[in-house]
Amino acid sequence: MHEELLDAGCSAACQAEYDALPNDEARLCYLQRHRRHLVAGLHRQQEKLACLDYMIYELEKNVKGRDAK
């Protein structure tokens, strides 16, 4: 299980916390919470990408507009 936790982005402290949990139900809650944390981070990164994509689009539009003149 430790290899999978590493692949999922868990630190050594995260793994120790996981190992200290008393049962599978607690481990399931812990993994679901970690998943929600990762998804929230992914959404923040997607928002940043969308901003960059818009800036790129606007600049390309301006460059093409100047080239047409």
Foldseek 3Di string as FASTA:
>chain_A
DVVVCVVLVHDPVLVVVLVPDDDPVVNVVSVVVSVVVVVVVVVVVVVVVVVVVVVVVVVVVVVVVVVVD
